[in-house]
């Protein structure tokens, strides 16, 4: 058990320092040797944990994905809030771009790292869609909305919204961004098929405040 703990501690230490270096030096300028010197480890030790600098960056991004998943899991456990509120809180919890360093985001958007970007999107959709589907099913039971395909609709919604709002994939001006966001909200409305007009109006106001 102690060996596992030491392994995780050393790995996280490398990731923490590498993330700081990517921020201060820039991802492209930062080398594996820079990381080695900062952590004070041998090259063999580094390659025991990571195959390359690219894999380090991959792990840093995935750590933020884990943060989102953890936040969503906490929201799912709350029994004192309604499905609509849970859904809106989850959408807020998914906004992590402001926490990721711009150099890391830029590198993710580099054509050479298209596979990494795709893997990250796949992981987010695969992990979060079933969680969102649970909330949709809860709303169906409480007759807040109707939804024929909770899991599949959430997969479609996440894949579409995460891709269309990704500035590294689509370079949209402000007006186009607003229209895309409005369309995403409209799509979600149709997927959920709200049974109560008042609830729908409140939900739409909250969603607009989140995405704009």
N, C-alpha and C. Protein backbone atom coordinates (compact mmCIF):
# COMPACT_ATOMS: atom_id res chain seq x y z
N UNK A 1 0.84 -1.21 0.00
CA UNK A 1 0.00 0.00 0.00
C UNK A 1 0.86 1.25 0.00
N UNK A 2 1.94 1.20 0.77
CA UNK A 2 2.85 2.34 0.83
C UNK A 2 3.53 2.59 -0.52
N UNK A 3 3.81 1.51 -1.26
CA UNK A 3 4.45 1.64 -2.57
C UNK A 3 3.54 2.38 -3.53
N UNK A 4 2.23 2.04 -3.49
CA UNK A 4 1.27 2.72 -4.35
C UNK A 4 1.21 4.20 -4.02
N UNK A 5 1.20 4.51 -2.72
CA UNK A 5 1.13 5.91 -2.31
C UNK A 5 2.36 6.67 -2.79
N UNK A 6 3.53 6.08 -2.66
CA UNK A 6 4.75 6.73 -3.12
C UNK A 6 4.72 6.95 -4.62
N UNK A 7 4.20 5.98 -5.34
CA UNK A 7 4.10 6.09 -6.80
C UNK A 7 3.21 7.27 -7.16
N UNK A 8 2.03 7.36 -6.54
CA UNK A 8 1.09 8.44 -6.85
C UNK A 8 1.67 9.80 -6.46
N UNK A 9 2.35 9.86 -5.31
CA UNK A 9 2.91 11.13 -4.86
C UNK A 9 3.98 11.62 -5.84
N UNK A 10 4.85 10.74 -6.27
CA UNK A 10 5.90 11.13 -7.21
C UNK A 10 5.31 11.54 -8.57
N UNK A 11 4.33 10.79 -9.02
CA UNK A 11 3.70 11.11 -10.30
C UNK A 11 3.01 12.48 -10.24
N UNK A 12 2.29 12.74 -9.17
CA UNK A 12 1.61 14.02 -9.02
C UNK A 12 2.61 15.17 -8.87
N UNK A 13 3.74 14.89 -8.24
CA UNK A 13 4.78 15.91 -8.12
C UNK A 13 5.30 16.30 -9.50
N UNK A 14 5.54 15.31 -10.34
CA UNK A 14 6.00 15.58 -11.71
C UNK A 14 4.95 16.40 -12.47
N UNK A 15 3.68 16.02 -12.32
CA UNK A 15 2.61 16.73 -13.03
C UNK A 15 2.48 18.17 -12.54
N UNK A 16 2.54 18.36 -11.22
CA UNK A 16 2.42 19.71 -10.66
C UNK A 16 3.53 20.63 -11.18
N UNK A 17 4.75 20.13 -11.15
CA UNK A 17 5.89 20.95 -11.58
C UNK A 17 5.86 21.15 -13.09
N UNK A 18 5.51 20.11 -13.84
CA UNK A 18 5.42 20.25 -15.29
C UNK A 18 4.37 21.27 -15.69
N UNK A 19 3.24 21.25 -15.00
CA UNK A 19 2.18 22.22 -15.30
C UNK A 19 2.66 23.65 -15.04
N UNK A 20 3.40 23.84 -13.95
CA UNK A 20 3.94 25.16 -13.66
C UNK A 20 4.94 25.60 -14.73
N UNK A 21 5.79 24.66 -15.17
CA UNK A 21 6.76 24.98 -16.21
C UNK A 21 6.09 25.29 -17.55
N UNK A 22 5.05 24.53 -17.87
CA UNK A 22 4.32 24.79 -19.11
C UNK A 22 3.75 26.21 -19.09
N UNK A 23 3.36 26.65 -17.89
CA UNK A 23 2.79 27.99 -17.74
C UNK A 23 3.88 29.07 -17.85
N UNK A 24 5.01 28.85 -17.20
CA UNK A 24 6.05 29.89 -17.15
C UNK A 24 6.93 29.92 -18.41
N UNK A 25 7.24 28.75 -18.95
CA UNK A 25 8.13 28.68 -20.12
C UNK A 25 7.37 28.52 -21.44
N UNK A 26 6.13 28.02 -21.34
CA UNK A 26 5.39 27.67 -22.54
C UNK A 26 5.62 26.20 -22.84
N UNK A 27 4.59 25.53 -23.31
CA UNK A 27 4.68 24.09 -23.52
C UNK A 27 5.78 23.72 -24.52
N UNK A 28 5.84 24.43 -25.64
CA UNK A 28 6.80 24.06 -26.67
C UNK A 28 8.24 24.31 -26.23
N UNK A 29 8.47 25.36 -25.47
CA UNK A 29 9.83 25.68 -25.04
C UNK A 29 10.29 24.80 -23.88
N UNK A 30 9.35 24.28 -23.14
CA UNK A 30 9.70 23.43 -22.00
C UNK A 30 10.14 22.06 -22.50
N UNK A 31 11.27 21.58 -21.98
CA UNK A 31 11.79 20.28 -22.39
C UNK A 31 11.68 19.28 -21.25
N UNK A 32 11.88 18.03 -21.59
CA UNK A 32 11.88 16.99 -20.55
C UNK A 32 13.00 17.26 -19.56
N UNK A 33 14.15 17.75 -20.05
CA UNK A 33 15.27 18.08 -19.15
C UNK A 33 14.89 19.18 -18.16
N UNK A 34 14.09 20.14 -18.62
CA UNK A 34 13.62 21.19 -17.72
C UNK A 34 12.81 20.57 -16.57
N UNK A 35 11.98 19.62 -16.92
CA UNK A 35 11.15 18.95 -15.90
C UNK A 35 12.04 18.15 -14.96
N UNK A 36 13.02 17.43 -15.54
CA UNK A 36 13.94 16.62 -14.72
C UNK A 36 14.67 17.49 -13.70
N UNK A 37 15.18 18.62 -14.17
CA UNK A 37 15.93 19.51 -13.28
C UNK A 37 15.05 20.10 -12.18
N UNK A 38 13.83 20.45 -12.55
CA UNK A 38 12.93 21.07 -11.58
C UNK A 38 12.47 20.08 -10.52
N UNK A 39 12.27 18.83 -10.92
CA UNK A 39 11.82 17.81 -9.98
C UNK A 39 13.00 17.14 -9.27
N UNK A 40 14.19 17.30 -9.86
CA UNK A 40 15.41 16.66 -9.34
C UNK A 40 15.32 15.13 -9.39
N UNK A 41 15.01 14.65 -10.59
CA UNK A 41 14.96 13.21 -10.82
C UNK A 41 15.77 12.85 -12.04
N UNK A 42 16.13 11.58 -12.15
CA UNK A 42 16.88 11.10 -13.30
C UNK A 42 15.93 10.86 -14.47
N UNK A 43 16.52 10.81 -15.67
CA UNK A 43 15.70 10.61 -16.87
C UNK A 43 14.96 9.27 -16.79
N UNK A 44 15.63 8.26 -16.27
CA UNK A 44 14.99 6.95 -16.16
C UNK A 44 13.77 6.97 -15.27
N UNK A 45 13.84 7.78 -14.20
CA UNK A 45 12.70 7.91 -13.29
C UNK A 45 11.52 8.55 -14.01
N UNK A 46 11.83 9.59 -14.79
CA UNK A 46 10.76 10.27 -15.54
C UNK A 46 10.06 9.28 -16.47
N UNK A 47 10.85 8.52 -17.23
CA UNK A 47 10.27 7.61 -18.22
C UNK A 47 9.61 6.39 -17.57
N UNK A 48 9.83 6.21 -16.29
CA UNK A 48 9.11 5.18 -15.56
C UNK A 48 7.64 5.57 -15.42
N UNK A 49 7.40 6.89 -15.34
CA UNK A 49 6.04 7.38 -15.16
C UNK A 49 5.40 7.82 -16.48
N UNK A 50 6.19 8.42 -17.35
CA UNK A 50 5.65 8.97 -18.60
C UNK A 50 6.56 8.62 -19.78
N UNK A 51 5.93 8.35 -20.91
CA UNK A 51 6.70 8.00 -22.10
C UNK A 51 7.25 9.24 -22.81
N UNK A 52 6.62 10.39 -22.59
CA UNK A 52 7.01 11.59 -23.32
C UNK A 52 6.44 12.83 -22.64
N UNK A 53 6.88 14.00 -23.10
CA UNK A 53 6.32 15.26 -22.61
C UNK A 53 4.84 15.35 -22.99
N UNK A 54 4.51 14.82 -24.16
CA UNK A 54 3.12 14.84 -24.62
C UNK A 54 2.22 14.05 -23.67
N UNK A 55 2.74 12.95 -23.15
CA UNK A 55 1.95 12.14 -22.23
C UNK A 55 1.75 12.87 -20.90
N UNK A 56 2.73 13.69 -20.51
CA UNK A 56 2.58 14.51 -19.31
C UNK A 56 1.45 15.50 -19.50
N UNK A 57 1.43 16.15 -20.64
CA UNK A 57 0.38 17.11 -20.94
C UNK A 57 -0.98 16.43 -20.98
N UNK A 58 -1.01 15.24 -21.55
CA UNK A 58 -2.24 14.45 -21.59
C UNK A 58 -2.75 14.21 -20.17
N UNK A 59 -1.85 13.81 -19.27
CA UNK A 59 -2.23 13.52 -17.89
C UNK A 59 -2.72 14.76 -17.16
N UNK A 60 -2.12 15.91 -17.46
CA UNK A 60 -2.55 17.17 -16.83
C UNK A 60 -3.97 17.50 -17.23
N UNK A 61 -4.26 17.37 -18.50
CA UNK A 61 -5.62 17.64 -18.99
C UNK A 61 -6.62 16.67 -18.37
N UNK A 62 -6.24 15.41 -18.28
CA UNK A 62 -7.15 14.40 -17.73
C UNK A 62 -7.41 14.64 -16.24
N UNK A 63 -6.47 15.26 -15.55
CA UNK A 63 -6.70 15.58 -14.14
C UNK A 63 -7.86 16.56 -14.01
N UNK A 64 -7.94 17.51 -14.93
CA UNK A 64 -9.05 18.46 -14.88
C UNK A 64 -10.37 17.79 -15.25
N UNK A 65 -10.29 16.80 -16.12
CA UNK A 65 -11.49 16.03 -16.43
C UNK A 65 -11.98 15.30 -15.19
N UNK A 66 -11.05 14.76 -14.42
CA UNK A 66 -11.40 14.08 -13.17
C UNK A 66 -12.04 15.04 -12.18
N UNK A 67 -11.59 16.31 -12.19
CA UNK A 67 -12.19 17.32 -11.31
C UNK A 67 -13.67 17.49 -11.65
N UNK A 68 -13.96 17.58 -12.95
CA UNK A 68 -15.35 17.75 -13.39
C UNK A 68 -16.18 16.55 -12.96
N UNK A 69 -15.65 15.35 -13.18
CA UNK A 69 -16.39 14.14 -12.81
C UNK A 69 -16.67 14.11 -11.32
N UNK A 70 -15.70 14.51 -10.51
CA UNK A 70 -15.87 14.54 -9.06
C UNK A 70 -16.96 15.54 -8.67
N UNK A 71 -16.96 16.72 -9.31
CA UNK A 71 -17.98 17.73 -9.02
C UNK A 71 -19.38 17.20 -9.35
N UNK A 72 -19.48 16.56 -10.50
CA UNK A 72 -20.78 16.03 -10.95
C UNK A 72 -21.27 14.96 -9.99
N UNK A 73 -20.38 14.10 -9.55
CA UNK A 73 -20.76 13.04 -8.61
C UNK A 73 -21.31 13.63 -7.31
N UNK A 74 -20.72 14.72 -6.84
CA UNK A 74 -21.20 15.38 -5.62
C UNK A 74 -22.62 15.91 -5.82
N UNK A 75 -22.86 16.50 -6.99
CA UNK A 75 -24.19 17.06 -7.28
C UNK A 75 -25.23 15.96 -7.36
N UNK A 76 -24.85 14.83 -7.95
CA UNK A 76 -25.79 13.72 -8.08
C UNK A 76 -26.27 13.19 -6.74
N UNK A 77 -25.42 13.31 -5.72
CA UNK A 77 -25.74 12.78 -4.39
C UNK A 77 -26.69 13.68 -3.60
N UNK A 78 -26.91 14.89 -4.09
CA UNK A 78 -27.76 15.83 -3.36
C UNK A 78 -29.24 15.46 -3.56
N UNK A 79 -29.92 15.24 -2.46
CA UNK A 79 -31.34 14.87 -2.51
C UNK A 79 -32.26 16.05 -2.26
N UNK A 80 -31.68 17.21 -1.92
CA UNK A 80 -32.50 18.36 -1.53
C UNK A 80 -32.72 19.35 -2.66
N UNK A 81 -32.31 19.01 -3.89
CA UNK A 81 -32.53 19.91 -5.02
C UNK A 81 -33.23 19.16 -6.15
N UNK A 82 -33.99 19.90 -6.94
CA UNK A 82 -34.78 19.31 -8.01
C UNK A 82 -33.91 18.99 -9.23
N UNK A 83 -34.40 18.11 -10.12
CA UNK A 83 -33.62 17.72 -11.30
C UNK A 83 -33.16 18.89 -12.16
N UNK A 84 -34.02 19.91 -12.32
CA UNK A 84 -33.65 21.06 -13.14
C UNK A 84 -32.42 21.77 -12.56
N UNK A 85 -32.44 21.93 -11.22
CA UNK A 85 -31.32 22.60 -10.55
C UNK A 85 -30.06 21.75 -10.64
N UNK A 86 -30.20 20.46 -10.51
CA UNK A 86 -29.04 19.56 -10.63
C UNK A 86 -28.39 19.70 -12.00
N UNK A 87 -29.25 19.71 -13.03
CA UNK A 87 -28.75 19.78 -14.39
C UNK A 87 -27.99 21.09 -14.62
N UNK A 88 -28.54 22.19 -14.12
CA UNK A 88 -27.88 23.48 -14.29
C UNK A 88 -26.57 23.55 -13.52
N UNK A 89 -26.54 22.98 -12.32
CA UNK A 89 -25.30 22.97 -11.53
C UNK A 89 -24.22 22.14 -12.23
N UNK A 90 -24.64 21.06 -12.86
CA UNK A 90 -23.67 20.22 -13.57
C UNK A 90 -23.07 20.97 -14.75
N UNK A 91 -23.90 21.71 -15.47
CA UNK A 91 -23.37 22.48 -16.59
C UNK A 91 -22.36 23.51 -16.11
N UNK A 92 -22.62 24.11 -14.96
CA UNK A 92 -21.66 25.05 -14.38
C UNK A 92 -20.37 24.34 -13.99
N UNK A 93 -20.50 23.15 -13.43
CA UNK A 93 -19.33 22.38 -12.98
C UNK A 93 -18.46 21.94 -14.14
N UNK A 94 -19.04 21.87 -15.33
CA UNK A 94 -18.29 21.42 -16.51
C UNK A 94 -17.38 22.49 -17.08
N UNK A 95 -17.52 23.73 -16.65
CA UNK A 95 -16.74 24.82 -17.21
C UNK A 95 -15.37 24.88 -16.54
N UNK A 96 -14.36 24.26 -17.18
CA UNK A 96 -13.02 24.24 -16.59
C UNK A 96 -11.98 24.91 -17.48
N UNK A 97 -12.39 25.43 -18.64
CA UNK A 97 -11.41 26.04 -19.54
C UNK A 97 -10.66 27.19 -18.90
N UNK A 98 -11.34 27.90 -17.97
CA UNK A 98 -10.69 29.03 -17.33
C UNK A 98 -9.62 28.59 -16.34
N UNK A 99 -9.63 27.30 -15.97
CA UNK A 99 -8.62 26.79 -15.04
C UNK A 99 -7.41 26.24 -15.77
N UNK A 100 -7.59 25.84 -17.02
CA UNK A 100 -6.48 25.30 -17.78
C UNK A 100 -5.61 26.41 -18.34
N UNK A 101 -4.30 26.23 -18.26
CA UNK A 101 -3.37 27.22 -18.78
C UNK A 101 -3.56 27.38 -20.29
N UNK A 102 -3.41 28.62 -20.79
CA UNK A 102 -3.63 28.88 -22.21
C UNK A 102 -2.67 28.10 -23.10
N UNK A 103 -1.42 27.89 -22.63
CA UNK A 103 -0.47 27.12 -23.43
C UNK A 103 -0.93 25.68 -23.58
N UNK A 104 -1.51 25.11 -22.52
CA UNK A 104 -2.00 23.74 -22.59
C UNK A 104 -3.19 23.66 -23.53
N UNK A 105 -4.11 24.64 -23.43
CA UNK A 105 -5.26 24.65 -24.32
C UNK A 105 -4.82 24.82 -25.77
N UNK A 106 -3.87 25.71 -26.01
CA UNK A 106 -3.37 25.92 -27.37
C UNK A 106 -2.75 24.65 -27.93
N UNK A 107 -2.02 23.94 -27.06
CA UNK A 107 -1.37 22.71 -27.51
C UNK A 107 -2.40 21.64 -27.82
N UNK A 108 -3.45 21.59 -27.04
CA UNK A 108 -4.53 20.63 -27.33
C UNK A 108 -5.14 20.90 -28.69
N UNK A 109 -5.20 22.18 -29.07
CA UNK A 109 -5.83 22.57 -30.33
C UNK A 109 -4.87 22.45 -31.51
N UNK A 110 -3.61 22.14 -31.23
CA UNK A 110 -2.64 21.95 -32.29
C UNK A 110 -3.05 20.74 -33.12
N UNK A 111 -3.04 20.87 -34.46
CA UNK A 111 -3.42 19.74 -35.32
C UNK A 111 -2.65 18.46 -35.00
N UNK A 112 -1.40 18.62 -34.54
CA UNK A 112 -0.59 17.45 -34.23
C UNK A 112 -1.14 16.68 -33.03
N UNK A 113 -1.94 17.36 -32.22
CA UNK A 113 -2.50 16.73 -31.02
C UNK A 113 -4.00 16.45 -31.16
N UNK A 114 -4.43 16.29 -32.41
CA UNK A 114 -5.85 16.04 -32.66
C UNK A 114 -6.34 14.78 -31.95
N UNK A 115 -5.47 13.76 -31.90
CA UNK A 115 -5.86 12.52 -31.25
C UNK A 115 -6.07 12.74 -29.76
N UNK A 116 -5.20 13.53 -29.13
CA UNK A 116 -5.34 13.84 -27.71
C UNK A 116 -6.66 14.56 -27.46
N UNK A 117 -6.95 15.53 -28.30
CA UNK A 117 -8.18 16.30 -28.18
C UNK A 117 -9.38 15.38 -28.28
N UNK A 118 -9.33 14.48 -29.25
CA UNK A 118 -10.42 13.54 -29.47
C UNK A 118 -10.58 12.60 -28.27
N UNK A 119 -9.45 12.14 -27.72
CA UNK A 119 -9.48 11.26 -26.56
C UNK A 119 -10.10 11.96 -25.35
N UNK A 120 -9.74 13.23 -25.16
CA UNK A 120 -10.27 13.99 -24.03
C UNK A 120 -11.78 14.17 -24.17
N UNK A 121 -12.23 14.53 -25.38
CA UNK A 121 -13.66 14.69 -25.63
C UNK A 121 -14.38 13.37 -25.39
N UNK A 122 -13.79 12.28 -25.87
CA UNK A 122 -14.39 10.96 -25.71
C UNK A 122 -14.53 10.61 -24.23
N UNK A 123 -13.50 10.92 -23.45
CA UNK A 123 -13.53 10.60 -22.03
C UNK A 123 -14.61 11.39 -21.30
N UNK A 124 -14.73 12.67 -21.63
CA UNK A 124 -15.73 13.52 -20.99
C UNK A 124 -17.14 13.02 -21.30
N UNK A 125 -17.41 12.76 -22.59
CA UNK A 125 -18.74 12.30 -22.99
C UNK A 125 -19.05 10.94 -22.39
N UNK A 126 -18.08 10.04 -22.43
CA UNK A 126 -18.28 8.68 -21.91
C UNK A 126 -18.56 8.70 -20.41
N UNK A 127 -17.86 9.57 -19.68
CA UNK A 127 -18.02 9.62 -18.22
C UNK A 127 -19.27 10.38 -17.80
N UNK A 128 -19.56 11.50 -18.47
CA UNK A 128 -20.63 12.38 -17.99
C UNK A 128 -22.02 12.03 -18.53
N UNK A 129 -22.09 11.46 -19.72
CA UNK A 129 -23.41 11.17 -20.30
C UNK A 129 -24.26 10.27 -19.40
N UNK A 130 -23.71 9.18 -18.85
CA UNK A 130 -24.53 8.36 -17.94
C UNK A 130 -24.96 9.11 -16.69
N UNK A 131 -24.11 10.03 -16.20
CA UNK A 131 -24.46 10.81 -15.02
C UNK A 131 -25.61 11.76 -15.32
N UNK A 132 -25.54 12.42 -16.47
CA UNK A 132 -26.62 13.30 -16.88
C UNK A 132 -27.90 12.51 -17.11
N UNK A 133 -27.75 11.31 -17.66
CA UNK A 133 -28.92 10.47 -17.94
C UNK A 133 -29.66 10.13 -16.65
N UNK A 134 -28.93 9.95 -15.54
CA UNK A 134 -29.56 9.67 -14.25
C UNK A 134 -30.47 10.82 -13.82
N UNK A 135 -29.99 12.05 -14.07
CA UNK A 135 -30.79 13.22 -13.71
C UNK A 135 -32.01 13.31 -14.62
N UNK A 136 -31.82 13.01 -15.89
CA UNK A 136 -32.95 13.04 -16.82
C UNK A 136 -34.01 12.03 -16.39
N UNK A 137 -33.56 10.83 -16.00
CA UNK A 137 -34.50 9.80 -15.55
C UNK A 137 -35.22 10.23 -14.27
N UNK A 138 -34.49 10.94 -13.39
CA UNK A 138 -35.12 11.46 -12.18
C UNK A 138 -36.21 12.47 -12.53
N UNK A 139 -35.91 13.33 -13.52
CA UNK A 139 -36.90 14.32 -13.96
C UNK A 139 -38.11 13.68 -14.61
N UNK A 140 -37.89 12.57 -15.30
CA UNK A 140 -39.00 11.85 -15.91
C UNK A 140 -39.92 11.28 -14.83
N UNK A 141 -39.32 10.71 -13.80
CA UNK A 141 -40.10 10.15 -12.69
C UNK A 141 -40.92 11.22 -11.99
N UNK A 142 -40.36 12.43 -11.89
CA UNK A 142 -41.06 13.52 -11.21
C UNK A 142 -41.93 14.33 -12.17
N UNK A 143 -42.01 13.85 -13.42
CA UNK A 143 -42.85 14.47 -14.45
C UNK A 143 -42.46 15.93 -14.73
N UNK A 144 -41.16 16.20 -14.65
CA UNK A 144 -40.65 17.52 -14.99
C UNK A 144 -40.51 17.64 -16.50
N UNK A 145 -40.09 16.54 -17.13
CA UNK A 145 -39.92 16.50 -18.58
C UNK A 145 -40.16 15.09 -19.09
N UNK A 146 -40.24 14.98 -20.42
CA UNK A 146 -40.33 13.68 -21.07
C UNK A 146 -39.07 13.51 -21.92
N UNK A 147 -38.54 12.33 -21.96
CA UNK A 147 -37.33 12.10 -22.75
C UNK A 147 -37.26 10.62 -23.11
N UNK A 148 -37.31 10.31 -24.39
CA UNK A 148 -37.39 8.91 -24.82
C UNK A 148 -36.04 8.20 -24.70
N UNK A 149 -34.95 8.94 -24.93
CA UNK A 149 -33.64 8.31 -24.94
C UNK A 149 -32.65 9.11 -24.07
N UNK A 150 -32.77 9.02 -22.75
CA UNK A 150 -31.94 9.84 -21.85
C UNK A 150 -30.44 9.74 -22.13
N UNK A 151 -29.89 8.55 -22.18
CA UNK A 151 -28.45 8.38 -22.37
C UNK A 151 -28.02 8.85 -23.75
N UNK A 152 -28.73 8.42 -24.76
CA UNK A 152 -28.33 8.78 -26.13
C UNK A 152 -28.46 10.28 -26.38
N UNK A 153 -29.52 10.89 -25.85
CA UNK A 153 -29.69 12.33 -26.01
C UNK A 153 -28.57 13.10 -25.31
N UNK A 154 -28.18 12.63 -24.13
CA UNK A 154 -27.11 13.32 -23.41
C UNK A 154 -25.77 13.13 -24.12
N UNK A 155 -25.55 12.00 -24.74
CA UNK A 155 -24.34 11.80 -25.53
C UNK A 155 -24.29 12.78 -26.69
N UNK A 156 -25.42 12.92 -27.37
CA UNK A 156 -25.51 13.85 -28.49
C UNK A 156 -25.32 15.28 -28.02
N UNK A 157 -26.00 15.63 -26.92
CA UNK A 157 -25.93 16.99 -26.39
C UNK A 157 -24.50 17.35 -25.99
N UNK A 158 -23.83 16.47 -25.25
CA UNK A 158 -22.46 16.76 -24.81
C UNK A 158 -21.50 16.86 -25.98
N UNK A 159 -21.58 15.91 -26.90
CA UNK A 159 -20.66 15.92 -28.05
C UNK A 159 -20.85 17.18 -28.88
N UNK A 160 -22.11 17.56 -29.09
CA UNK A 160 -22.38 18.76 -29.89
C UNK A 160 -21.96 20.03 -29.18
N UNK A 161 -22.36 20.17 -27.92
CA UNK A 161 -22.08 21.42 -27.20
C UNK A 161 -20.58 21.59 -26.93
N UNK A 162 -19.89 20.52 -26.53
CA UNK A 162 -18.46 20.63 -26.25
C UNK A 162 -17.65 20.91 -27.52
N UNK A 163 -18.11 20.38 -28.64
CA UNK A 163 -17.39 20.60 -29.90
C UNK A 163 -17.66 21.98 -30.46
N UNK A 164 -18.93 22.37 -30.49
CA UNK A 164 -19.29 23.66 -31.10
C UNK A 164 -18.80 24.85 -30.30
N UNK A 165 -18.63 24.68 -28.99
CA UNK A 165 -18.17 25.80 -28.15
C UNK A 165 -16.66 25.77 -27.95
N UNK A 166 -15.97 24.86 -28.60
CA UNK A 166 -14.52 24.75 -28.49
C UNK A 166 -13.87 25.72 -29.49
N UNK A 167 -13.25 26.77 -28.96
CA UNK A 167 -12.66 27.79 -29.82
C UNK A 167 -11.51 27.26 -30.66
N UNK A 168 -10.94 26.15 -30.23
CA UNK A 168 -9.86 25.56 -31.01
C UNK A 168 -10.34 24.83 -32.24
N UNK A 169 -11.64 24.53 -32.28
CA UNK A 169 -12.22 23.83 -33.43
C UNK A 169 -13.00 24.79 -34.30
N UNK A 170 -13.85 25.61 -33.69
CA UNK A 170 -14.66 26.58 -34.42
C UNK A 170 -14.32 27.99 -33.96
N UNK A 171 -13.83 28.80 -34.85
CA UNK A 171 -13.54 30.20 -34.54
C UNK A 171 -14.76 31.05 -34.91
N UNK A 172 -15.57 31.34 -33.90
CA UNK A 172 -16.81 32.07 -34.13
C UNK A 172 -16.73 33.46 -33.54
N UNK A 173 -17.38 34.43 -34.21
CA UNK A 173 -17.46 35.76 -33.64
C UNK A 173 -18.52 35.75 -32.55
N UNK A 174 -18.63 36.85 -31.82
CA UNK A 174 -19.54 36.92 -30.67
C UNK A 174 -20.98 36.61 -31.07
N UNK A 175 -21.43 37.19 -32.17
CA UNK A 175 -22.81 36.98 -32.61
C UNK A 175 -23.07 35.51 -32.93
N UNK A 176 -22.11 34.88 -33.60
CA UNK A 176 -22.25 33.46 -33.96
C UNK A 176 -22.24 32.59 -32.71
N UNK A 177 -21.41 32.96 -31.74
CA UNK A 177 -21.36 32.21 -30.49
C UNK A 177 -22.71 32.23 -29.79
N UNK A 178 -23.32 33.42 -29.74
CA UNK A 178 -24.62 33.55 -29.09
C UNK A 178 -25.68 32.70 -29.79
N UNK A 179 -25.62 32.68 -31.12
CA UNK A 179 -26.61 31.90 -31.87
C UNK A 179 -26.41 30.41 -31.64
N UNK A 180 -25.15 30.00 -31.57
CA UNK A 180 -24.87 28.59 -31.29
C UNK A 180 -25.38 28.21 -29.91
N UNK A 181 -25.13 29.08 -28.91
CA UNK A 181 -25.60 28.81 -27.56
C UNK A 181 -27.12 28.74 -27.50
N UNK A 182 -27.77 29.65 -28.21
CA UNK A 182 -29.24 29.65 -28.25
C UNK A 182 -29.75 28.36 -28.88
N UNK A 183 -29.06 27.91 -29.92
CA UNK A 183 -29.46 26.68 -30.59
C UNK A 183 -29.25 25.46 -29.69
N UNK A 184 -28.16 25.48 -28.91
CA UNK A 184 -27.89 24.38 -27.99
C UNK A 184 -28.98 24.30 -26.92
N UNK A 185 -29.38 25.46 -26.38
CA UNK A 185 -30.45 25.50 -25.39
C UNK A 185 -31.76 24.99 -26.00
N UNK A 186 -32.03 25.44 -27.22
CA UNK A 186 -33.25 25.01 -27.91
C UNK A 186 -33.23 23.50 -28.14
N UNK A 187 -32.07 22.97 -28.52
CA UNK A 187 -31.94 21.53 -28.74
C UNK A 187 -32.21 20.75 -27.46
N UNK A 188 -31.69 21.27 -26.34
CA UNK A 188 -31.90 20.60 -25.06
C UNK A 188 -33.37 20.62 -24.68
N UNK A 189 -34.05 21.73 -24.96
CA UNK A 189 -35.48 21.82 -24.67
C UNK A 189 -36.24 20.74 -25.42
N UNK A 190 -35.93 20.59 -26.71
CA UNK A 190 -36.63 19.60 -27.52
C UNK A 190 -36.34 18.18 -27.05
N UNK A 191 -35.10 17.94 -26.63
CA UNK A 191 -34.73 16.61 -26.14
C UNK A 191 -35.48 16.27 -24.86
N UNK A 192 -35.60 17.25 -23.97
CA UNK A 192 -36.22 17.00 -22.67
C UNK A 192 -37.74 17.07 -22.72
N UNK A 193 -38.28 17.89 -23.63
CA UNK A 193 -39.73 18.00 -23.78
C UNK A 193 -40.38 18.32 -22.43
N UNK A 194 -40.16 19.53 -21.94
CA UNK A 194 -40.69 19.94 -20.64
C UNK A 194 -42.21 19.82 -20.58
N UNK A 195 -42.70 19.37 -19.44
CA UNK A 195 -44.15 19.22 -19.27
C UNK A 195 -44.79 20.46 -18.67
N UNK A 196 -43.95 21.37 -18.14
CA UNK A 196 -44.47 22.56 -17.47
C UNK A 196 -43.83 23.80 -18.09
N UNK A 197 -44.67 24.70 -18.63
CA UNK A 197 -44.17 25.88 -19.32
C UNK A 197 -43.40 26.82 -18.40
N UNK A 198 -43.86 26.96 -17.15
CA UNK A 198 -43.19 27.84 -16.19
C UNK A 198 -41.80 27.31 -15.85
N UNK A 199 -41.73 26.00 -15.61
CA UNK A 199 -40.44 25.38 -15.32
C UNK A 199 -39.49 25.55 -16.49
N UNK A 200 -40.00 25.39 -17.69
CA UNK A 200 -39.19 25.56 -18.89
C UNK A 200 -38.64 26.97 -18.99
N UNK A 201 -39.47 27.96 -18.70
CA UNK A 201 -39.04 29.36 -18.79
C UNK A 201 -37.94 29.66 -17.77
N UNK A 202 -38.10 29.17 -16.55
CA UNK A 202 -37.08 29.38 -15.51
C UNK A 202 -35.78 28.69 -15.91
N UNK A 203 -35.90 27.46 -16.40
CA UNK A 203 -34.73 26.70 -16.82
C UNK A 203 -34.00 27.42 -17.95
N UNK A 204 -34.73 27.95 -18.90
CA UNK A 204 -34.13 28.66 -20.03
C UNK A 204 -33.37 29.89 -19.56
N UNK A 205 -33.92 30.62 -18.60
CA UNK A 205 -33.24 31.81 -18.07
C UNK A 205 -31.93 31.44 -17.39
N UNK A 206 -31.96 30.37 -16.61
CA UNK A 206 -30.74 29.93 -15.93
C UNK A 206 -29.70 29.44 -16.92
N UNK A 207 -30.13 28.68 -17.92
CA UNK A 207 -29.21 28.16 -18.93
C UNK A 207 -28.57 29.29 -19.70
N UNK A 208 -29.34 30.32 -20.04
CA UNK A 208 -28.80 31.46 -20.77
C UNK A 208 -27.75 32.17 -19.95
N UNK A 209 -28.00 32.27 -18.65
CA UNK A 209 -27.03 32.93 -17.76
C UNK A 209 -25.74 32.13 -17.67
N UNK A 210 -25.83 30.81 -17.77
CA UNK A 210 -24.67 29.94 -17.67
C UNK A 210 -23.80 30.04 -18.92
N UNK A 211 -24.43 29.97 -20.09
CA UNK A 211 -23.65 29.84 -21.32
C UNK A 211 -23.25 31.17 -21.95
N UNK A 212 -23.93 32.27 -21.62
CA UNK A 212 -23.57 33.54 -22.27
C UNK A 212 -22.46 34.24 -21.49
